[in-house]
């Protein structure tokens, strides 16, 4: 049996730094926070379960049968 591997926050941060994707990650975080702030200001509250349900329905309609299909779609459509 393989030994358990522990991944820390520092490990993740180091990988992010080495990946060269910090600008994209900062943009994604900024976008998410702006959307959350606008939704809160508008009184919109969406639960995680609702988001998951909507994502599942989108994958079915878009015929995205696997995680790989979903990632490929996201890469293509941004």
PDB file of N, CA and C in Angstrom:
ATOM      1  N   UNK A   1       0.847  -1.182   0.000  1.00  0.00           N
ATOM      2  CA  UNK A   1       0.000   0.000   0.000  1.00  0.00           C
ATOM      3  C   UNK A   1       0.889   1.240   0.000  1.00  0.00           C
ATOM      4  N   UNK A   2       0.516   2.210  -0.796  1.00  0.00           N
ATOM      5  CA  UNK A   2       1.275   3.454  -0.854  1.00  0.00           C
ATOM      6  C   UNK A   2       1.031   4.274   0.402  1.00  0.00           C
ATOM      7  N   UNK A   3       2.059   4.985   0.841  1.00  0.00           N
ATOM      8  CA  UNK A   3       1.861   5.838   2.020  1.00  0.00           C
ATOM      9  C   UNK A   3       0.938   7.010   1.677  1.00  0.00           C
ATOM     10  N   UNK A   4       0.241   7.505   2.681  1.00  0.00           N
ATOM     11  CA  UNK A   4      -0.636   8.659   2.482  1.00  0.00           C
ATOM     12  C   UNK A   4       0.207   9.888   2.166  1.00  0.00           C
ATOM     13  N   UNK A   5      -0.290  10.703   1.280  1.00  0.00           N
ATOM     14  CA  UNK A   5       0.392  11.938   0.920  1.00  0.00           C
ATOM     15  C   UNK A   5      -0.454  13.101   1.423  1.00  0.00           C
ATOM     16  N   UNK A   6       0.181  13.978   2.163  1.00  0.00           N
ATOM     17  CA  UNK A   6      -0.501  15.154   2.680  1.00  0.00           C
ATOM     18  C   UNK A   6      -0.159  16.353   1.805  1.00  0.00           C
ATOM     19  N   UNK A   7      -1.175  17.060   1.378  1.00  0.00           N
ATOM     20  CA  UNK A   7      -0.980  18.274   0.587  1.00  0.00           C
ATOM     21  C   UNK A   7      -1.449  19.449   1.432  1.00  0.00           C
ATOM     22  N   UNK A   8      -0.540  20.384   1.655  1.00  0.00           N
ATOM     23  CA  UNK A   8      -0.844  21.537   2.496  1.00  0.00           C
ATOM     24  C   UNK A   8      -1.211  22.756   1.650  1.00  0.00           C
ATOM     25  N   UNK A   9      -1.693  23.790   2.315  1.00  0.00           N
ATOM     26  CA  UNK A   9      -1.973  25.051   1.630  1.00  0.00           C
ATOM     27  C   UNK A   9      -0.699  25.600   1.003  1.00  0.00           C
ATOM     28  N   UNK A  10       0.415  25.451   1.711  1.00  0.00           N
ATOM     29  CA  UNK A  10       1.695  25.920   1.174  1.00  0.00           C
ATOM     30  C   UNK A  10       2.075  25.156  -0.095  1.00  0.00           C
ATOM     31  N   UNK A  11       1.797  23.850  -0.128  1.00  0.00           N
ATOM     32  CA  UNK A  11       2.065  23.059  -1.335  1.00  0.00           C
ATOM     33  C   UNK A  11       1.255  23.592  -2.515  1.00  0.00           C
ATOM     34  N   UNK A  12      -0.007  23.886  -2.257  1.00  0.00           N
ATOM     35  CA  UNK A  12      -0.882  24.389  -3.314  1.00  0.00           C
ATOM     36  C   UNK A  12      -0.405  25.756  -3.795  1.00  0.00           C
ATOM     37  N   UNK A  13      -0.074  26.633  -2.860  1.00  0.00           N
ATOM     38  CA  UNK A  13       0.410  27.963  -3.231  1.00  0.00           C
ATOM     39  C   UNK A  13       1.694  27.874  -4.047  1.00  0.00           C
ATOM     40  N   UNK A  14       2.597  27.002  -3.661  1.00  0.00           N
ATOM     41  CA  UNK A  14       3.845  26.830  -4.402  1.00  0.00           C
ATOM     42  C   UNK A  14       3.573  26.333  -5.819  1.00  0.00           C
ATOM     43  N   UNK A  15       2.640  25.407  -5.958  1.00  0.00           N
ATOM     44  CA  UNK A  15       2.287  24.903  -7.290  1.00  0.00           C
ATOM     45  C   UNK A  15       1.683  26.010  -8.154  1.00  0.00           C
ATOM     46  N   UNK A  16       0.837  26.838  -7.546  1.00  0.00           N
ATOM     47  CA  UNK A  16       0.244  27.964  -8.270  1.00  0.00           C
ATOM     48  C   UNK A  16       1.343  28.904  -8.759  1.00  0.00           C
ATOM     49  N   UNK A  17       2.284  29.204  -7.891  1.00  0.00           N
ATOM     50  CA  UNK A  17       3.392  30.088  -8.268  1.00  0.00           C
ATOM     51  C   UNK A  17       4.194  29.493  -9.421  1.00  0.00           C
ATOM     52  N   UNK A  18       4.492  28.215  -9.337  1.00  0.00           N
ATOM     53  CA  UNK A  18       5.308  27.564 -10.359  1.00  0.00           C
ATOM     54  C   UNK A  18       4.557  27.372 -11.678  1.00  0.00           C
ATOM     55  N   UNK A  19       3.245  27.344 -11.620  1.00  0.00           N
ATOM     56  CA  UNK A  19       2.455  27.113 -12.833  1.00  0.00           C
ATOM     57  C   UNK A  19       2.440  28.325 -13.760  1.00  0.00           C
ATOM     58  N   UNK A  20       2.761  29.489 -13.223  1.00  0.00           N
ATOM     59  CA  UNK A  20       2.724  30.702 -14.026  1.00  0.00           C
ATOM     60  C   UNK A  20       1.317  31.194 -14.316  1.00  0.00           C
ATOM     61  N   UNK A  21       0.350  30.712 -13.559  1.00  0.00           N
ATOM     62  CA  UNK A  21      -1.046  31.070 -13.813  1.00  0.00           C
ATOM     63  C   UNK A  21      -1.598  32.057 -12.787  1.00  0.00           C
ATOM     64  N   UNK A  22      -0.721  32.740 -12.080  1.00  0.00           N
ATOM     65  CA  UNK A  22      -1.181  33.672 -11.055  1.00  0.00           C
ATOM     66  C   UNK A  22      -2.099  34.749 -11.638  1.00  0.00           C
ATOM     67  N   UNK A  23      -1.775  35.367 -12.786  1.00  0.00           N
ATOM     68  CA  UNK A  23      -2.701  36.386 -13.320  1.00  0.00           C
ATOM     69  C   UNK A  23      -4.107  35.836 -13.581  1.00  0.00           C
ATOM     70  N   UNK A  24      -4.195  34.636 -14.143  1.00  0.00           N
ATOM     71  CA  UNK A  24      -5.503  34.041 -14.417  1.00  0.00           C
ATOM     72  C   UNK A  24      -6.248  33.731 -13.125  1.00  0.00           C
ATOM     73  N   UNK A  25      -5.524  33.263 -12.134  1.00  0.00           N
ATOM     74  CA  UNK A  25      -6.147  32.932 -10.854  1.00  0.00           C
ATOM     75  C   UNK A  25      -6.644  34.194 -10.167  1.00  0.00           C
ATOM     76  N   UNK A  26      -5.848  35.262 -10.203  1.00  0.00           N
ATOM     77  CA  UNK A  26      -6.270  36.528  -9.607  1.00  0.00           C
ATOM     78  C   UNK A  26      -7.512  37.056 -10.320  1.00  0.00           C
ATOM     79  N   UNK A  27      -7.538  36.950 -11.639  1.00  0.00           N
ATOM     80  CA  UNK A  27      -8.709  37.394 -12.397  1.00  0.00           C
ATOM     81  C   UNK A  27      -9.945  36.585 -12.009  1.00  0.00           C
ATOM     82  N   UNK A  28      -9.793  35.276 -11.876  1.00  0.00           N
ATOM     83  CA  UNK A  28     -10.926  34.419 -11.505  1.00  0.00           C
ATOM     84  C   UNK A  28     -11.434  34.751 -10.104  1.00  0.00           C
ATOM     85  N   UNK A  29     -10.516  34.970  -9.172  1.00  0.00           N
ATOM     86  CA  UNK A  29     -10.907  35.315  -7.800  1.00  0.00           C
ATOM     87  C   UNK A  29     -11.627  36.658  -7.788  1.00  0.00           C
ATOM     88  N   UNK A  30     -11.075  37.630  -8.511  1.00  0.00           N
ATOM     89  CA  UNK A  30     -11.691  38.954  -8.581  1.00  0.00           C
ATOM     90  C   UNK A  30     -13.093  38.867  -9.174  1.00  0.00           C
ATOM     91  N   UNK A  31     -13.239  38.122 -10.254  1.00  0.00           N
ATOM     92  CA  UNK A  31     -14.550  37.954 -10.887  1.00  0.00           C
ATOM     93  C   UNK A  31     -15.542  37.326  -9.923  1.00  0.00           C
ATOM     94  N   UNK A  32     -15.108  36.254  -9.248  1.00  0.00           N
ATOM     95  CA  UNK A  32     -15.998  35.572  -8.299  1.00  0.00           C
ATOM     96  C   UNK A  32     -16.434  36.515  -7.188  1.00  0.00           C
ATOM     97  N   UNK A  33     -15.498  37.314  -6.657  1.00  0.00           N
ATOM     98  CA  UNK A  33     -15.831  38.227  -5.561  1.00  0.00           C
ATOM     99  C   UNK A  33     -16.751  39.354  -6.035  1.00  0.00           C
ATOM    100  N   UNK A  34     -16.525  39.863  -7.244  1.00  0.00           N
ATOM    101  CA  UNK A  34     -17.403  40.904  -7.780  1.00  0.00           C
ATOM    102  C   UNK A  34     -18.819  40.375  -7.987  1.00  0.00           C
ATOM    103  N   UNK A  35     -18.929  39.162  -8.505  1.00  0.00           N
ATOM    104  CA  UNK A  35     -20.247  38.552  -8.701  1.00  0.00           C
ATOM    105  C   UNK A  35     -20.934  38.331  -7.362  1.00  0.00           C
ATOM    106  N   UNK A  36     -20.191  37.840  -6.385  1.00  0.00           N
ATOM    107  CA  UNK A  36     -20.762  37.606  -5.054  1.00  0.00           C
ATOM    108  C   UNK A  36     -21.242  38.917  -4.435  1.00  0.00           C
ATOM    109  N   UNK A  37     -20.452  39.984  -4.577  1.00  0.00           N
ATOM    110  CA  UNK A  37     -20.835  41.283  -4.022  1.00  0.00           C
ATOM    111  C   UNK A  37     -22.083  41.825  -4.719  1.00  0.00           C
ATOM    112  N   UNK A  38     -22.131  41.712  -6.045  1.00  0.00           N
ATOM    113  CA  UNK A  38     -23.294  42.191  -6.796  1.00  0.00           C
ATOM    114  C   UNK A  38     -24.540  41.384  -6.443  1.00  0.00           C
ATOM    115  N   UNK A  39     -24.379  40.083  -6.294  1.00  0.00           N
ATOM    116  CA  UNK A  39     -25.514  39.229  -5.925  1.00  0.00           C
ATOM    117  C   UNK A  39     -26.020  39.588  -4.532  1.00  0.00           C
ATOM    118  N   UNK A  40     -25.095  39.798  -3.597  1.00  0.00           N
ATOM    119  CA  UNK A  40     -25.489  40.164  -2.233  1.00  0.00           C
ATOM    120  C   UNK A  40     -26.215  41.507  -2.235  1.00  0.00           C
ATOM    121  N   UNK A  41     -25.696  42.459  -2.997  1.00  0.00           N
ATOM    122  CA  UNK A  41     -26.318  43.778  -3.078  1.00  0.00           C
ATOM    123  C   UNK A  41     -27.723  43.692  -3.668  1.00  0.00           C
ATOM    124  N   UNK A  42     -27.917  42.775  -4.605  1.00  0.00           N
ATOM    125  CA  UNK A  42     -29.227  42.597  -5.241  1.00  0.00           C
ATOM    126  C   UNK A  42     -30.143  41.672  -4.440  1.00  0.00           C
ATOM    127  N   UNK A  43     -29.630  41.152  -3.333  1.00  0.00           N
ATOM    128  CA  UNK A  43     -30.434  40.259  -2.505  1.00  0.00           C
ATOM    129  C   UNK A  43     -30.558  38.854  -3.056  1.00  0.00           C
ATOM    130  N   UNK A  44     -29.635  38.477  -3.932  1.00  0.00           N
ATOM    131  CA  UNK A  44     -29.655  37.143  -4.531  1.00  0.00           C
ATOM    132  C   UNK A  44     -28.813  36.210  -3.677  1.00  0.00           C
ATOM    133  N   UNK A  45     -29.402  35.082  -3.300  1.00  0.00           N
ATOM    134  CA  UNK A  45     -28.663  34.091  -2.521  1.00  0.00           C
ATOM    135  C   UNK A  45     -28.841  32.737  -3.197  1.00  0.00           C
ATOM    136  N   UNK A  46     -27.736  32.117  -3.564  1.00  0.00           N
ATOM    137  CA  UNK A  46     -27.781  30.817  -4.223  1.00  0.00           C
ATOM    138  C   UNK A  46     -27.019  29.824  -3.357  1.00  0.00           C
ATOM    139  N   UNK A  47     -27.645  28.715  -3.075  1.00  0.00           N
ATOM    140  CA  UNK A  47     -27.019  27.677  -2.262  1.00  0.00           C
ATOM    141  C   UNK A  47     -26.174  26.761  -3.145  1.00  0.00           C
ATOM    142  N   UNK A  48     -25.186  26.124  -2.546  1.00  0.00           N
ATOM    143  CA  UNK A  48     -24.300  25.216  -3.264  1.00  0.00           C
ATOM    144  C   UNK A  48     -25.095  24.128  -3.981  1.00  0.00           C
ATOM    145  N   UNK A  49     -26.116  23.609  -3.331  1.00  0.00           N
ATOM    146  CA  UNK A  49     -26.935  22.548  -3.931  1.00  0.00           C
ATOM    147  C   UNK A  49     -27.613  23.033  -5.215  1.00  0.00           C
ATOM    148  N   UNK A  50     -28.077  24.282  -5.214  1.00  0.00           N
ATOM    149  CA  UNK A  50     -28.703  24.844  -6.415  1.00  0.00           C
ATOM    150  C   UNK A  50     -27.690  24.979  -7.549  1.00  0.00           C
ATOM    151  N   UNK A  51     -26.491  25.427  -7.212  1.00  0.00           N
ATOM    152  CA  UNK A  51     -25.439  25.557  -8.222  1.00  0.00           C
ATOM    153  C   UNK A  51     -25.083  24.200  -8.812  1.00  0.00           C
ATOM    154  N   UNK A  52     -24.965  23.189  -7.948  1.00  0.00           N
ATOM    155  CA  UNK A  52     -24.628  21.848  -8.418  1.00  0.00           C
ATOM    156  C   UNK A  52     -25.724  21.308  -9.326  1.00  0.00           C
ATOM    157  N   UNK A  53     -26.972  21.524  -8.935  1.00  0.00           N
ATOM    158  CA  UNK A  53     -28.100  21.061  -9.745  1.00  0.00           C
ATOM    159  C   UNK A  53     -28.090  21.732 -11.119  1.00  0.00           C
ATOM    160  N   UNK A  54     -27.849  23.037 -11.148  1.00  0.00           N
ATOM    161  CA  UNK A  54     -27.799  23.760 -12.425  1.00  0.00           C
ATOM    162  C   UNK A  54     -26.642  23.264 -13.285  1.00  0.00           C
ATOM    163  N   UNK A  55     -25.488  23.027 -12.665  1.00  0.00           N
ATOM    164  CA  UNK A  55     -24.325  22.528 -13.410  1.00  0.00           C
ATOM    165  C   UNK A  55     -24.607  21.136 -13.971  1.00  0.00           C
ATOM    166  N   UNK A  56     -25.244  20.281 -13.174  1.00  0.00           N
ATOM    167  CA  UNK A  56     -25.584  18.932 -13.639  1.00  0.00           C
ATOM    168  C   UNK A  56     -26.529  18.991 -14.841  1.00  0.00           C
ATOM    169  N   UNK A  57     -27.542  19.854 -14.764  1.00  0.00           N
ATOM    170  CA  UNK A  57     -28.491  19.994 -15.873  1.00  0.00           C
ATOM    171  C   UNK A  57     -27.791  20.522 -17.119  1.00  0.00           C
ATOM    172  N   UNK A  58     -26.885  21.480 -16.941  1.00  0.00           N
ATOM    173  CA  UNK A  58     -26.141  22.029 -18.075  1.00  0.00           C
ATOM    174  C   UNK A  58     -25.311  20.939 -18.743  1.00  0.00           C
ATOM    175  N   UNK A  59     -24.646  20.103 -17.926  1.00  0.00           N
ATOM    176  CA  UNK A  59     -23.824  19.023 -18.488  1.00  0.00           C
ATOM    177  C   UNK A  59     -24.682  18.034 -19.276  1.00  0.00           C
ATOM    178  N   UNK A  60     -25.877  17.742 -18.794  1.00  0.00           N
ATOM    179  CA  UNK A  60     -26.770  16.816 -19.505  1.00  0.00           C
ATOM    180  C   UNK A  60     -27.203  17.420 -20.840  1.00  0.00           C
ATOM    181  N   UNK A  61     -27.671  18.668 -20.809  1.00  0.00           N
ATOM    182  CA  UNK A  61     -28.129  19.342 -22.028  1.00  0.00           C
ATOM    183  C   UNK A  61     -26.991  19.478 -23.035  1.00  0.00           C
ATOM    184  N   UNK A  62     -25.787  19.728 -22.534  1.00  0.00           N
ATOM    185  CA  UNK A  62     -24.622  19.923 -23.410  1.00  0.00           C
ATOM    186  C   UNK A  62     -23.925  18.618 -23.760  1.00  0.00           C
ATOM    187  N   UNK A  63     -24.483  17.504 -23.298  1.00  0.00           N
ATOM    188  CA  UNK A  63     -23.926  16.173 -23.551  1.00  0.00           C
ATOM    189  C   UNK A  63     -22.470  16.063 -23.096  1.00  0.00           C
ATOM    190  N   UNK A  64     -22.206  16.568 -21.909  1.00  0.00           N
ATOM    191  CA  UNK A  64     -20.874  16.478 -21.316  1.00  0.00           C
ATOM    192  C   UNK A  64     -20.903  15.313 -20.330  1.00  0.00           C
ATOM    193  N   UNK A  65     -20.548  14.128 -20.821  1.00  0.00           N
ATOM    194  CA  UNK A  65     -20.700  12.904 -20.051  1.00  0.00           C
ATOM    195  C   UNK A  65     -19.612  12.622 -19.038  1.00  0.00           C
ATOM    196  N   UNK A  66     -18.531  13.360 -19.090  1.00  0.00           N
ATOM    197  CA  UNK A  66     -17.434  13.096 -18.152  1.00  0.00           C
ATOM    198  C   UNK A  66     -16.782  14.409 -17.740  1.00  0.00           C
ATOM    199  N   UNK A  67     -15.950  14.316 -16.722  1.00  0.00           N
ATOM    200  CA  UNK A  67     -15.197  15.495 -16.281  1.00  0.00           C
ATOM    201  C   UNK A  67     -14.295  15.993 -17.402  1.00  0.00           C
ATOM    202  N   UNK A  68     -13.723  15.060 -18.154  1.00  0.00           N
ATOM    203  CA  UNK A  68     -12.850  15.442 -19.269  1.00  0.00           C
ATOM    204  C   UNK A  68     -13.629  16.222 -20.326  1.00  0.00           C
ATOM    205  N   UNK A  69     -14.848  15.768 -20.623  1.00  0.00           N
ATOM    206  CA  UNK A  69     -15.696  16.478 -21.587  1.00  0.00           C
ATOM    207  C   UNK A  69     -16.000  17.895 -21.094  1.00  0.00           C
ATOM    208  N   UNK A  70     -16.295  17.999 -19.801  1.00  0.00           N
ATOM    209  CA  UNK A  70     -16.615  19.304 -19.219  1.00  0.00           C
ATOM    210  C   UNK A  70     -15.419  20.236 -19.286  1.00  0.00           C
ATOM    211  N   UNK A  71     -14.236  19.730 -18.917  1.00  0.00           N
ATOM    212  CA  UNK A  71     -13.023  20.562 -18.973  1.00  0.00           C
ATOM    213  C   UNK A  71     -12.721  20.983 -20.404  1.00  0.00           C
ATOM    214  N   UNK A  72     -12.909  20.087 -21.355  1.00  0.00           N
ATOM    215  CA  UNK A  72     -12.670  20.425 -22.762  1.00  0.00           C
ATOM    216  C   UNK A  72     -13.625  21.530 -23.204  1.00  0.00           C
ATOM    217  N   UNK A  73     -14.893  21.438 -22.792  1.00  0.00           N
ATOM    218  CA  UNK A  73     -15.866  22.467 -23.133  1.00  0.00           C
ATOM    219  C   UNK A  73     -15.456  23.804 -22.521  1.00  0.00           C
ATOM    220  N   UNK A  74     -15.056  23.779 -21.253  1.00  0.00           N
ATOM    221  CA  UNK A  74     -14.639  25.012 -20.579  1.00  0.00           C
ATOM    222  C   UNK A  74     -13.420  25.635 -21.251  1.00  0.00           C
ATOM    223  N   UNK A  75     -12.467  24.799 -21.656  1.00  0.00           N
ATOM    224  CA  UNK A  75     -11.278  25.307 -22.346  1.00  0.00           C
ATOM    225  C   UNK A  75     -11.666  25.959 -23.672  1.00  0.00           C
ATOM    226  N   UNK A  76     -12.598  25.346 -24.378  1.00  0.00           N
ATOM    227  CA  UNK A  76     -13.012  25.855 -25.687  1.00  0.00           C
ATOM    228  C   UNK A  76     -13.816  27.150 -25.574  1.00  0.00           C
ATOM    229  N   UNK A  77     -14.696  27.209 -24.573  1.00  0.00           N
ATOM    230  CA  UNK A  77     -15.633  28.330 -24.465  1.00  0.00           C
ATOM    231  C   UNK A  77     -15.246  29.360 -23.408  1.00  0.00           C
ATOM    232  N   UNK A  78     -14.152  29.110 -22.718  1.00  0.00           N
ATOM    233  CA  UNK A  78     -13.679  30.076 -21.732  1.00  0.00           C
ATOM    234  C   UNK A  78     -14.516  30.092 -20.522  1.00  0.00           C
TER     235      UNK A  78
END
